[in-house]
N, C-alpha and C. Protein backbone atom coordinates (compact mmCIF):
# COMPACT_ATOMS: atom_id res chain seq x y z
N MET A 1 112.73 8.23 38.64
CA MET A 1 113.71 8.49 37.57
C MET A 1 114.88 7.52 37.71
N SER A 2 115.22 6.85 36.63
CA SER A 2 116.30 5.87 36.68
C SER A 2 117.64 6.53 36.37
N ALA A 3 118.71 5.74 36.57
CA ALA A 3 120.05 6.26 36.38
C ALA A 3 120.31 6.70 34.94
N ILE A 4 119.62 6.10 33.97
CA ILE A 4 119.90 6.43 32.57
C ILE A 4 119.03 7.57 32.04
N SER A 5 118.17 8.12 32.88
CA SER A 5 117.22 9.14 32.41
C SER A 5 117.89 10.39 31.87
N ASN A 6 119.05 10.74 32.41
CA ASN A 6 119.70 12.00 32.04
C ASN A 6 120.80 11.85 30.99
N LEU A 7 120.86 10.70 30.34
CA LEU A 7 121.88 10.52 29.31
C LEU A 7 121.58 11.39 28.09
N ASP A 8 122.64 11.74 27.37
CA ASP A 8 122.48 12.47 26.11
C ASP A 8 122.20 11.42 25.02
N TRP A 9 120.95 11.31 24.62
CA TRP A 9 120.56 10.22 23.73
C TRP A 9 121.09 10.39 22.31
N ARG A 10 121.41 11.59 21.93
CA ARG A 10 122.03 11.77 20.63
C ARG A 10 123.46 11.21 20.63
N GLU A 11 124.15 11.40 21.74
CA GLU A 11 125.49 10.82 21.87
C GLU A 11 125.43 9.30 21.91
N VAL A 12 124.44 8.78 22.63
CA VAL A 12 124.28 7.32 22.68
C VAL A 12 124.02 6.78 21.29
N ARG A 13 123.17 7.46 20.53
CA ARG A 13 122.85 7.02 19.18
C ARG A 13 124.08 7.10 18.27
N GLU A 14 124.86 8.15 18.40
CA GLU A 14 126.08 8.28 17.60
C GLU A 14 127.05 7.13 17.89
N HIS A 15 127.16 6.79 19.16
CA HIS A 15 128.01 5.65 19.53
C HIS A 15 127.46 4.36 18.95
N TYR A 16 126.15 4.19 19.02
CA TYR A 16 125.51 3.00 18.45
C TYR A 16 125.80 2.92 16.95
N ASN A 17 125.69 4.03 16.25
CA ASN A 17 125.96 4.04 14.81
C ASN A 17 127.39 3.59 14.51
N LEU A 18 128.32 4.00 15.35
CA LEU A 18 129.72 3.62 15.20
C LEU A 18 129.89 2.12 15.36
N ARG A 19 129.28 1.59 16.40
CA ARG A 19 129.39 0.15 16.66
C ARG A 19 128.61 -0.67 15.62
N TYR A 20 127.50 -0.13 15.15
CA TYR A 20 126.73 -0.80 14.12
C TYR A 20 127.56 -0.93 12.84
N ALA A 21 128.31 0.11 12.53
CA ALA A 21 129.17 0.08 11.34
C ALA A 21 130.23 -1.02 11.47
N ILE A 22 130.76 -1.19 12.68
CA ILE A 22 131.73 -2.27 12.93
C ILE A 22 131.07 -3.62 12.73
N TYR A 23 129.87 -3.76 13.26
CA TYR A 23 129.09 -5.01 13.11
C TYR A 23 128.91 -5.35 11.63
N LYS A 24 128.51 -4.37 10.84
CA LYS A 24 128.32 -4.60 9.40
C LYS A 24 129.64 -4.95 8.71
N GLN A 25 130.70 -4.31 9.14
CA GLN A 25 132.02 -4.59 8.58
C GLN A 25 132.44 -6.02 8.90
N LEU A 26 132.17 -6.46 10.10
CA LEU A 26 132.49 -7.84 10.49
C LEU A 26 131.72 -8.84 9.63
N LEU A 27 130.44 -8.56 9.39
CA LEU A 27 129.63 -9.45 8.56
C LEU A 27 130.19 -9.53 7.14
N GLU A 28 130.64 -8.40 6.63
CA GLU A 28 131.20 -8.38 5.28
C GLU A 28 132.51 -9.17 5.21
N LEU A 29 133.32 -9.06 6.24
CA LEU A 29 134.58 -9.81 6.28
C LEU A 29 134.34 -11.31 6.36
N VAL A 30 133.25 -11.69 7.02
CA VAL A 30 132.87 -13.11 7.07
C VAL A 30 132.50 -13.59 5.67
N LYS A 31 131.68 -12.80 4.97
CA LYS A 31 131.28 -13.17 3.62
C LYS A 31 132.48 -13.32 2.69
N GLN A 32 133.48 -12.47 2.90
CA GLN A 32 134.67 -12.50 2.06
C GLN A 32 135.70 -13.51 2.56
N ALA A 33 135.40 -14.15 3.69
CA ALA A 33 136.30 -15.14 4.30
C ALA A 33 137.69 -14.58 4.58
N LYS A 34 137.73 -13.31 4.96
CA LYS A 34 139.00 -12.67 5.30
C LYS A 34 139.26 -12.86 6.79
N ARG A 35 139.83 -13.99 7.12
CA ARG A 35 139.95 -14.40 8.51
C ARG A 35 140.82 -13.46 9.34
N SER A 36 141.97 -13.14 8.85
CA SER A 36 142.89 -12.29 9.63
C SER A 36 142.29 -10.91 9.89
N GLU A 37 141.73 -10.30 8.83
CA GLU A 37 141.13 -8.98 8.98
C GLU A 37 139.95 -9.03 9.95
N PHE A 38 139.17 -10.09 9.84
CA PHE A 38 138.01 -10.26 10.73
C PHE A 38 138.46 -10.36 12.19
N VAL A 39 139.42 -11.21 12.46
CA VAL A 39 139.87 -11.44 13.83
C VAL A 39 140.52 -10.18 14.41
N GLU A 40 141.30 -9.48 13.60
CA GLU A 40 141.94 -8.26 14.09
C GLU A 40 140.91 -7.19 14.44
N LEU A 41 139.82 -7.14 13.70
CA LEU A 41 138.75 -6.18 14.01
C LEU A 41 137.97 -6.65 15.24
N LEU A 42 137.67 -7.93 15.31
CA LEU A 42 136.88 -8.47 16.41
C LEU A 42 137.60 -8.32 17.75
N LEU A 43 138.93 -8.30 17.72
CA LEU A 43 139.73 -8.15 18.93
C LEU A 43 140.16 -6.70 19.18
N GLY A 44 139.65 -5.78 18.36
CA GLY A 44 139.95 -4.37 18.57
C GLY A 44 141.37 -3.97 18.19
N ILE A 45 142.04 -4.77 17.39
CA ILE A 45 143.43 -4.47 17.01
C ILE A 45 143.46 -3.46 15.86
N SER A 46 142.69 -3.70 14.82
CA SER A 46 142.68 -2.79 13.67
C SER A 46 141.81 -1.57 13.91
N ASP A 47 140.85 -1.69 14.83
CA ASP A 47 139.98 -0.57 15.19
C ASP A 47 139.53 -0.80 16.63
N PRO A 48 139.85 0.11 17.54
CA PRO A 48 139.49 -0.09 18.95
C PRO A 48 138.00 -0.23 19.20
N ASN A 49 137.17 0.23 18.27
CA ASN A 49 135.73 0.11 18.44
C ASN A 49 135.24 -1.32 18.23
N GLY A 50 136.13 -2.20 17.80
CA GLY A 50 135.76 -3.59 17.60
C GLY A 50 135.60 -4.36 18.89
N ASN A 51 136.40 -4.01 19.91
CA ASN A 51 136.30 -4.73 21.18
C ASN A 51 136.94 -3.90 22.29
N TYR A 52 136.12 -3.14 23.00
CA TYR A 52 136.63 -2.26 24.06
C TYR A 52 137.26 -3.06 25.20
N SER A 53 136.70 -4.23 25.49
CA SER A 53 137.23 -5.05 26.58
C SER A 53 138.66 -5.46 26.30
N ALA A 54 138.94 -5.84 25.05
CA ALA A 54 140.30 -6.24 24.67
C ALA A 54 141.24 -5.04 24.65
N VAL A 55 140.77 -3.94 24.12
CA VAL A 55 141.61 -2.74 23.99
C VAL A 55 141.96 -2.17 25.36
N GLU A 56 141.00 -2.14 26.26
CA GLU A 56 141.21 -1.57 27.59
C GLU A 56 142.38 -2.22 28.32
N HIS A 57 142.55 -3.52 28.10
CA HIS A 57 143.62 -4.25 28.78
C HIS A 57 144.73 -4.70 27.83
N GLY A 58 144.70 -4.22 26.58
CA GLY A 58 145.75 -4.55 25.62
C GLY A 58 145.84 -6.04 25.31
N LEU A 59 144.71 -6.73 25.26
CA LEU A 59 144.72 -8.18 25.16
C LEU A 59 144.76 -8.72 23.73
N GLY A 60 144.30 -7.94 22.77
CA GLY A 60 144.24 -8.43 21.39
C GLY A 60 145.54 -9.03 20.89
N PRO A 61 146.65 -8.29 20.95
CA PRO A 61 147.92 -8.84 20.47
C PRO A 61 148.36 -10.08 21.23
N TYR A 62 148.08 -10.15 22.52
CA TYR A 62 148.45 -11.33 23.30
C TYR A 62 147.64 -12.55 22.87
N ILE A 63 146.36 -12.36 22.59
CA ILE A 63 145.53 -13.47 22.14
C ILE A 63 146.10 -14.07 20.86
N LEU A 64 146.57 -13.22 19.96
CA LEU A 64 147.12 -13.71 18.70
C LEU A 64 148.51 -14.31 18.84
N SER A 65 149.32 -13.75 19.73
CA SER A 65 150.71 -14.21 19.85
C SER A 65 150.90 -15.39 20.80
N GLU A 66 150.00 -15.55 21.76
CA GLU A 66 150.19 -16.57 22.79
C GLU A 66 149.34 -17.83 22.58
N ASN A 67 148.66 -17.91 21.46
CA ASN A 67 147.85 -19.10 21.17
C ASN A 67 148.22 -19.68 19.81
N VAL A 68 148.39 -20.98 19.75
CA VAL A 68 148.68 -21.66 18.49
C VAL A 68 147.46 -21.57 17.58
N ASN A 69 147.70 -21.26 16.30
CA ASN A 69 146.61 -21.14 15.32
C ASN A 69 145.52 -20.18 15.81
N ALA A 70 145.95 -19.08 16.38
CA ALA A 70 145.01 -18.16 17.03
C ALA A 70 143.94 -17.63 16.07
N VAL A 71 144.33 -17.21 14.89
CA VAL A 71 143.36 -16.62 13.96
C VAL A 71 142.26 -17.62 13.63
N ASP A 72 142.63 -18.85 13.30
CA ASP A 72 141.64 -19.86 12.96
C ASP A 72 140.75 -20.19 14.15
N ARG A 73 141.32 -20.24 15.33
CA ARG A 73 140.54 -20.60 16.53
C ARG A 73 139.56 -19.49 16.93
N VAL A 74 139.99 -18.25 16.81
CA VAL A 74 139.08 -17.14 17.10
C VAL A 74 137.98 -17.09 16.03
N TRP A 75 138.35 -17.31 14.79
CA TRP A 75 137.38 -17.36 13.70
C TRP A 75 136.31 -18.42 13.96
N GLU A 76 136.75 -19.59 14.38
CA GLU A 76 135.81 -20.68 14.64
C GLU A 76 134.92 -20.38 15.85
N LEU A 77 135.49 -19.77 16.88
CA LEU A 77 134.69 -19.38 18.04
C LEU A 77 133.62 -18.38 17.64
N ALA A 78 134.00 -17.40 16.83
CA ALA A 78 133.04 -16.40 16.36
C ALA A 78 131.95 -17.04 15.51
N ALA A 79 132.32 -18.06 14.73
CA ALA A 79 131.32 -18.77 13.92
C ALA A 79 130.29 -19.44 14.82
N GLN A 80 130.74 -19.96 15.95
CA GLN A 80 129.81 -20.56 16.92
C GLN A 80 128.90 -19.49 17.54
N PHE A 81 129.48 -18.34 17.82
CA PHE A 81 128.68 -17.24 18.38
C PHE A 81 127.57 -16.82 17.41
N ARG A 82 127.91 -16.77 16.12
CA ARG A 82 126.97 -16.22 15.13
C ARG A 82 125.69 -17.03 15.02
N VAL A 83 125.73 -18.31 15.33
CA VAL A 83 124.54 -19.16 15.14
C VAL A 83 123.81 -19.44 16.44
N LEU A 84 124.23 -18.83 17.52
CA LEU A 84 123.58 -19.07 18.81
C LEU A 84 122.14 -18.56 18.81
N LYS A 85 121.27 -19.30 19.46
CA LYS A 85 119.89 -18.88 19.70
C LYS A 85 119.71 -18.38 21.13
N THR A 86 120.67 -18.68 21.99
CA THR A 86 120.67 -18.20 23.36
C THR A 86 122.10 -17.87 23.78
N ALA A 87 122.27 -16.73 24.40
CA ALA A 87 123.60 -16.29 24.81
C ALA A 87 124.11 -17.00 26.06
N HIS A 88 123.26 -17.77 26.70
CA HIS A 88 123.68 -18.47 27.91
C HIS A 88 124.76 -19.52 27.61
N GLU A 89 124.93 -19.84 26.34
CA GLU A 89 125.97 -20.80 25.94
C GLU A 89 127.34 -20.13 25.77
N VAL A 90 127.38 -18.81 25.74
CA VAL A 90 128.63 -18.09 25.46
C VAL A 90 129.76 -18.44 26.42
N PRO A 91 129.57 -18.39 27.75
CA PRO A 91 130.67 -18.72 28.65
C PRO A 91 131.24 -20.13 28.43
N THR A 92 130.36 -21.09 28.14
CA THR A 92 130.82 -22.46 27.88
C THR A 92 131.66 -22.53 26.62
N LEU A 93 131.22 -21.85 25.57
CA LEU A 93 131.98 -21.85 24.31
C LEU A 93 133.35 -21.21 24.51
N ILE A 94 133.40 -20.14 25.28
CA ILE A 94 134.67 -19.47 25.55
C ILE A 94 135.59 -20.41 26.31
N ARG A 95 135.05 -21.09 27.29
CA ARG A 95 135.82 -22.03 28.09
C ARG A 95 136.36 -23.16 27.23
N GLN A 96 135.52 -23.69 26.38
CA GLN A 96 135.92 -24.81 25.53
C GLN A 96 136.98 -24.41 24.50
N ALA A 97 136.98 -23.14 24.08
CA ALA A 97 137.97 -22.67 23.10
C ALA A 97 139.38 -22.67 23.68
N ARG A 98 139.50 -22.50 24.99
CA ARG A 98 140.79 -22.56 25.69
C ARG A 98 141.83 -21.63 25.06
N LEU A 99 141.41 -20.42 24.82
CA LEU A 99 142.30 -19.40 24.26
C LEU A 99 142.85 -18.53 25.40
N GLU A 100 144.16 -18.50 25.53
CA GLU A 100 144.78 -17.67 26.56
C GLU A 100 144.41 -16.20 26.33
N TYR A 101 144.12 -15.50 27.40
CA TYR A 101 143.79 -14.07 27.41
C TYR A 101 142.40 -13.75 26.86
N LEU A 102 141.67 -14.77 26.40
CA LEU A 102 140.31 -14.52 25.92
C LEU A 102 139.34 -15.11 26.94
N GLN A 103 138.88 -14.24 27.84
CA GLN A 103 137.95 -14.66 28.88
C GLN A 103 136.56 -14.08 28.58
N ILE A 104 135.70 -14.07 29.58
CA ILE A 104 134.31 -13.69 29.33
C ILE A 104 134.16 -12.24 28.87
N GLY A 105 134.97 -11.33 29.40
CA GLY A 105 134.86 -9.94 28.98
C GLY A 105 135.06 -9.77 27.49
N VAL A 106 136.21 -10.18 27.01
CA VAL A 106 136.53 -10.07 25.58
C VAL A 106 135.62 -10.96 24.75
N GLY A 107 135.41 -12.19 25.21
CA GLY A 107 134.62 -13.14 24.45
C GLY A 107 133.16 -12.75 24.32
N SER A 108 132.56 -12.28 25.41
CA SER A 108 131.15 -11.89 25.34
C SER A 108 130.97 -10.66 24.45
N GLU A 109 131.94 -9.75 24.48
CA GLU A 109 131.84 -8.59 23.60
C GLU A 109 131.95 -9.02 22.14
N ALA A 110 132.83 -9.97 21.87
CA ALA A 110 132.94 -10.51 20.51
C ALA A 110 131.63 -11.17 20.09
N SER A 111 130.99 -11.88 21.02
CA SER A 111 129.72 -12.54 20.68
C SER A 111 128.66 -11.51 20.34
N CYS A 112 128.64 -10.41 21.07
CA CYS A 112 127.67 -9.35 20.80
C CYS A 112 127.92 -8.69 19.46
N MET A 113 129.18 -8.52 19.11
CA MET A 113 129.52 -7.83 17.86
C MET A 113 129.19 -8.65 16.62
N VAL A 114 129.01 -9.97 16.79
CA VAL A 114 128.64 -10.79 15.63
C VAL A 114 127.21 -11.31 15.71
N ASN A 115 126.58 -11.19 16.89
CA ASN A 115 125.21 -11.68 17.06
C ASN A 115 124.48 -10.81 18.09
N PRO A 116 124.32 -9.53 17.78
CA PRO A 116 123.83 -8.56 18.78
C PRO A 116 122.35 -8.64 19.12
N ARG A 117 121.58 -9.43 18.41
CA ARG A 117 120.18 -9.61 18.79
C ARG A 117 120.02 -10.70 19.85
N VAL A 118 121.06 -11.50 20.00
CA VAL A 118 121.00 -12.64 20.93
C VAL A 118 121.99 -12.50 22.08
N CYS A 119 123.19 -12.01 21.80
CA CYS A 119 124.28 -12.01 22.77
C CYS A 119 124.55 -10.63 23.35
N TRP A 120 124.79 -10.60 24.64
CA TRP A 120 125.08 -9.35 25.33
C TRP A 120 126.53 -9.33 25.80
N VAL A 121 126.99 -8.15 26.18
CA VAL A 121 128.36 -7.95 26.66
C VAL A 121 128.38 -8.07 28.18
N ALA A 122 129.37 -8.81 28.68
CA ALA A 122 129.59 -8.89 30.13
C ALA A 122 131.00 -8.39 30.43
N ASN A 123 131.12 -7.07 30.57
CA ASN A 123 132.41 -6.47 30.91
C ASN A 123 132.20 -5.48 32.06
N ALA A 124 133.24 -4.76 32.41
CA ALA A 124 133.14 -3.85 33.57
C ALA A 124 131.98 -2.87 33.43
N ARG A 125 131.77 -2.36 32.21
CA ARG A 125 130.74 -1.33 32.00
C ARG A 125 129.33 -1.88 32.18
N THR A 126 129.07 -3.04 31.57
CA THR A 126 127.72 -3.60 31.68
C THR A 126 127.48 -4.17 33.07
N ILE A 127 128.49 -4.78 33.66
CA ILE A 127 128.33 -5.32 35.02
C ILE A 127 128.07 -4.19 36.00
N TRP A 128 128.83 -3.09 35.87
CA TRP A 128 128.61 -1.94 36.76
C TRP A 128 127.20 -1.39 36.60
N THR A 129 126.74 -1.31 35.36
CA THR A 129 125.38 -0.82 35.11
C THR A 129 124.35 -1.74 35.75
N GLN A 130 124.57 -3.04 35.64
CA GLN A 130 123.68 -4.00 36.28
C GLN A 130 123.69 -3.84 37.80
N LEU A 131 124.87 -3.54 38.36
CA LEU A 131 124.98 -3.33 39.80
C LEU A 131 124.27 -2.05 40.24
N VAL A 132 124.31 -1.04 39.39
CA VAL A 132 123.58 0.21 39.68
C VAL A 132 122.09 -0.10 39.80
N ILE A 133 121.58 -0.92 38.89
CA ILE A 133 120.18 -1.31 38.94
C ILE A 133 119.90 -2.14 40.20
N LYS A 134 120.79 -3.10 40.47
CA LYS A 134 120.63 -3.98 41.63
C LYS A 134 120.57 -3.19 42.93
N HIS A 135 121.38 -2.14 43.02
CA HIS A 135 121.46 -1.35 44.25
C HIS A 135 120.61 -0.07 44.18
N ALA A 136 119.58 -0.12 43.34
CA ALA A 136 118.60 0.99 43.26
C ALA A 136 119.29 2.33 43.02
N ASP A 137 120.16 2.35 42.01
CA ASP A 137 120.86 3.57 41.58
C ASP A 137 121.84 4.11 42.63
N ASP A 138 122.31 3.26 43.52
CA ASP A 138 123.33 3.65 44.50
C ASP A 138 124.70 3.40 43.85
N PHE A 139 125.30 4.45 43.32
CA PHE A 139 126.55 4.33 42.59
C PHE A 139 127.69 3.87 43.49
N ASP A 140 127.72 4.31 44.72
CA ASP A 140 128.81 3.92 45.63
C ASP A 140 128.82 2.41 45.87
N LYS A 141 127.65 1.83 46.08
CA LYS A 141 127.57 0.38 46.29
C LYS A 141 127.98 -0.37 45.02
N ALA A 142 127.58 0.16 43.86
CA ALA A 142 127.95 -0.46 42.59
C ALA A 142 129.47 -0.40 42.40
N ASP A 143 130.08 0.73 42.73
CA ASP A 143 131.53 0.88 42.63
C ASP A 143 132.24 -0.15 43.50
N MET A 144 131.76 -0.30 44.72
CA MET A 144 132.40 -1.20 45.67
C MET A 144 132.32 -2.65 45.21
N GLU A 145 131.16 -3.05 44.73
CA GLU A 145 131.00 -4.44 44.30
C GLU A 145 131.79 -4.71 43.03
N LEU A 146 131.85 -3.76 42.13
CA LEU A 146 132.63 -3.94 40.91
C LEU A 146 134.10 -4.13 41.25
N ARG A 147 134.61 -3.41 42.22
CA ARG A 147 136.01 -3.57 42.62
C ARG A 147 136.30 -4.98 43.11
N LEU A 148 135.34 -5.59 43.78
CA LEU A 148 135.52 -6.96 44.26
C LEU A 148 135.71 -7.92 43.09
N TYR A 149 134.92 -7.73 42.04
CA TYR A 149 135.06 -8.59 40.86
C TYR A 149 136.38 -8.34 40.14
N ARG A 150 136.76 -7.08 40.04
CA ARG A 150 137.99 -6.74 39.33
C ARG A 150 139.24 -7.20 40.06
N ASP A 151 139.19 -7.20 41.40
CA ASP A 151 140.36 -7.56 42.20
C ASP A 151 140.58 -9.06 42.30
N ALA A 152 139.56 -9.85 41.94
CA ALA A 152 139.67 -11.30 42.04
C ALA A 152 140.63 -11.83 40.97
N ASP A 153 141.16 -13.02 41.21
CA ASP A 153 142.06 -13.68 40.26
C ASP A 153 141.26 -14.11 39.04
N SER A 154 141.47 -13.43 37.94
CA SER A 154 140.66 -13.67 36.74
C SER A 154 140.90 -15.04 36.12
N THR A 155 141.97 -15.73 36.52
CA THR A 155 142.27 -17.02 35.92
C THR A 155 141.75 -18.19 36.77
N SER A 156 141.22 -17.93 37.94
CA SER A 156 140.81 -19.02 38.83
C SER A 156 139.48 -19.62 38.39
N GLU A 157 139.30 -20.91 38.73
CA GLU A 157 138.06 -21.60 38.39
C GLU A 157 136.87 -20.93 39.08
N MET A 158 137.05 -20.56 40.35
CA MET A 158 135.96 -19.95 41.10
C MET A 158 135.55 -18.62 40.48
N ASN A 159 136.53 -17.82 40.10
CA ASN A 159 136.21 -16.52 39.51
C ASN A 159 135.50 -16.69 38.17
N TYR A 160 135.91 -17.69 37.38
CA TYR A 160 135.24 -17.93 36.10
C TYR A 160 133.78 -18.30 36.33
N ALA A 161 133.53 -19.10 37.38
CA ALA A 161 132.16 -19.48 37.71
C ALA A 161 131.34 -18.26 38.11
N ILE A 162 131.96 -17.35 38.85
CA ILE A 162 131.27 -16.11 39.25
C ILE A 162 130.92 -15.28 38.02
N TRP A 163 131.89 -15.12 37.11
CA TRP A 163 131.65 -14.33 35.90
C TRP A 163 130.59 -14.98 35.00
N THR A 164 130.58 -16.31 34.99
CA THR A 164 129.56 -17.02 34.23
C THR A 164 128.17 -16.73 34.78
N GLU A 165 128.06 -16.72 36.10
CA GLU A 165 126.78 -16.41 36.74
C GLU A 165 126.37 -14.96 36.45
N ILE A 166 127.34 -14.04 36.52
CA ILE A 166 127.05 -12.64 36.23
C ILE A 166 126.58 -12.49 34.79
N HIS A 167 127.26 -13.17 33.88
CA HIS A 167 126.87 -13.13 32.47
C HIS A 167 125.41 -13.52 32.31
N SER A 168 125.01 -14.57 33.01
CA SER A 168 123.62 -15.03 32.93
C SER A 168 122.65 -13.98 33.47
N GLU A 169 123.01 -13.36 34.58
CA GLU A 169 122.14 -12.35 35.20
C GLU A 169 121.94 -11.13 34.31
N LEU A 170 122.92 -10.84 33.47
CA LEU A 170 122.84 -9.66 32.61
C LEU A 170 121.75 -9.77 31.56
N ALA A 171 121.26 -10.97 31.30
CA ALA A 171 120.19 -11.13 30.32
C ALA A 171 119.00 -10.24 30.66
N THR A 172 118.61 -10.25 31.92
CA THR A 172 117.46 -9.46 32.35
C THR A 172 117.76 -7.97 32.37
N SER A 173 118.90 -7.60 32.97
CA SER A 173 119.20 -6.18 33.12
C SER A 173 119.49 -5.50 31.79
N MET A 174 120.19 -6.18 30.88
CA MET A 174 120.47 -5.56 29.59
C MET A 174 119.21 -5.43 28.73
N THR A 175 118.32 -6.40 28.84
CA THR A 175 117.04 -6.30 28.13
C THR A 175 116.24 -5.12 28.66
N ARG A 176 116.21 -4.99 29.97
CA ARG A 176 115.48 -3.89 30.61
C ARG A 176 116.06 -2.54 30.21
N ILE A 177 117.37 -2.44 30.18
CA ILE A 177 118.04 -1.19 29.82
C ILE A 177 117.73 -0.82 28.37
N ALA A 178 117.76 -1.83 27.49
CA ALA A 178 117.46 -1.57 26.08
C ALA A 178 116.04 -1.05 25.92
N GLU A 179 115.09 -1.69 26.62
CA GLU A 179 113.69 -1.28 26.51
C GLU A 179 113.46 0.12 27.08
N GLU A 180 114.04 0.38 28.24
CA GLU A 180 113.89 1.71 28.84
C GLU A 180 114.58 2.76 27.97
N GLY A 181 115.72 2.39 27.42
CA GLY A 181 116.44 3.31 26.53
C GLY A 181 115.65 3.63 25.28
N ASP A 182 114.92 2.65 24.77
CA ASP A 182 114.05 2.89 23.62
C ASP A 182 113.07 4.03 23.92
N GLN A 183 112.41 3.93 25.05
CA GLN A 183 111.40 4.92 25.43
C GLN A 183 112.00 6.30 25.66
N LEU A 184 113.13 6.32 26.38
CA LEU A 184 113.77 7.61 26.69
C LEU A 184 114.33 8.28 25.43
N ALA A 185 114.90 7.48 24.55
CA ALA A 185 115.45 8.03 23.31
C ALA A 185 114.33 8.64 22.46
N ARG A 186 113.23 7.94 22.34
CA ARG A 186 112.11 8.44 21.53
C ARG A 186 111.55 9.74 22.12
N LYS A 187 111.48 9.81 23.44
CA LYS A 187 111.02 11.05 24.08
C LYS A 187 111.94 12.21 23.77
N ALA A 188 113.24 11.88 23.55
CA ALA A 188 114.22 12.91 23.23
C ALA A 188 114.30 13.17 21.73
N GLY A 189 113.44 12.50 20.98
CA GLY A 189 113.42 12.70 19.53
C GLY A 189 114.55 11.98 18.81
N VAL A 190 115.03 10.89 19.41
CA VAL A 190 116.15 10.12 18.85
C VAL A 190 115.68 8.70 18.55
N ALA A 191 116.05 8.19 17.39
CA ALA A 191 115.70 6.82 17.03
C ALA A 191 116.53 5.84 17.86
N ALA A 192 115.85 4.89 18.47
CA ALA A 192 116.55 3.89 19.27
C ALA A 192 117.25 2.88 18.37
N GLY A 193 118.30 2.25 18.89
CA GLY A 193 119.00 1.22 18.12
C GLY A 193 118.16 -0.04 17.99
N SER A 194 118.21 -0.68 16.84
CA SER A 194 117.37 -1.84 16.59
C SER A 194 118.00 -3.16 17.05
N LEU A 195 119.32 -3.17 17.23
CA LEU A 195 120.00 -4.38 17.69
C LEU A 195 120.07 -4.33 19.22
N THR A 196 119.21 -5.08 19.84
CA THR A 196 118.92 -4.96 21.28
C THR A 196 120.14 -4.83 22.16
N TYR A 197 121.05 -5.80 22.08
CA TYR A 197 122.14 -5.82 23.05
C TYR A 197 123.30 -4.91 22.66
N LEU A 198 123.39 -4.56 21.40
CA LEU A 198 124.36 -3.55 21.01
C LEU A 198 123.89 -2.19 21.52
N TRP A 199 122.60 -1.95 21.43
CA TRP A 199 121.99 -0.73 21.95
C TRP A 199 122.17 -0.65 23.47
N ALA A 200 121.90 -1.75 24.16
CA ALA A 200 122.06 -1.80 25.62
C ALA A 200 123.51 -1.53 26.01
N ASP A 201 124.45 -2.07 25.25
CA ASP A 201 125.87 -1.87 25.56
C ASP A 201 126.26 -0.40 25.40
N CYS A 202 125.72 0.26 24.40
CA CYS A 202 126.01 1.69 24.21
C CYS A 202 125.44 2.53 25.34
N ILE A 203 124.28 2.14 25.83
CA ILE A 203 123.69 2.84 26.98
C ILE A 203 124.56 2.64 28.21
N ALA A 204 124.99 1.40 28.45
CA ALA A 204 125.85 1.10 29.60
C ALA A 204 127.16 1.86 29.50
N ASN A 205 127.72 1.94 28.31
CA ASN A 205 128.96 2.69 28.11
C ASN A 205 128.79 4.16 28.45
N ALA A 206 127.65 4.73 28.05
CA ALA A 206 127.39 6.15 28.31
C ALA A 206 127.25 6.40 29.80
N LEU A 207 126.54 5.52 30.49
CA LEU A 207 126.34 5.68 31.94
C LEU A 207 127.67 5.54 32.67
N TYR A 208 128.44 4.56 32.28
CA TYR A 208 129.75 4.30 32.92
C TYR A 208 130.70 5.47 32.68
N ALA A 209 130.74 5.95 31.44
CA ALA A 209 131.63 7.07 31.10
C ALA A 209 131.24 8.33 31.88
N GLY A 210 129.95 8.55 32.02
CA GLY A 210 129.49 9.72 32.74
C GLY A 210 129.88 9.70 34.21
N HIS A 211 130.05 8.51 34.74
CA HIS A 211 130.40 8.37 36.16
C HIS A 211 131.90 8.33 36.39
N TYR A 212 132.62 7.63 35.51
CA TYR A 212 134.04 7.37 35.73
C TYR A 212 134.99 8.28 34.94
N GLU A 213 134.54 8.79 33.81
CA GLU A 213 135.49 9.48 32.91
C GLU A 213 135.27 10.99 32.89
């Protein structure tokens, strides 16, 4: 039995529906070329469900206030995310954007919210879930290793390289979680989410919340 076996799959699905609605709203804002509204949603400013990583640390307003032409630059970064065929390019695109306060956590979540079939989230919740898998469902070991990542200097070159590597490793674990979640949800009589990495993120959120909150 895996760590996600005992999740409430109806709750996971309800959360997925909420995030799916945000995804559709973002697509509509792109079609309408409403840059400010799009960026505020993508950074969790107008709705916290747009970007939990940004909201958790209050980063959305700082990204807009501390960067020149912030709205246009975030818009352009998101446009790059939308056309990606592989999410392994996400950390490089974030680095190249050189936006203060927008690191892999916020950026990868933004990439997932605009391209959820290709891009996954690399934040505390998904990394912790990946660590739970790595340590064979040993929550204490996962907690300890997550603290090491959180305590590191998030602005250092070395730490960015570490987070880039973690982002890459999540490709396998998030795919596995989505697939296992599909099976478990169906057994519980719940329709699984069709957007792979958005579904995986909702599962990771549920597991993390059940342990920490």
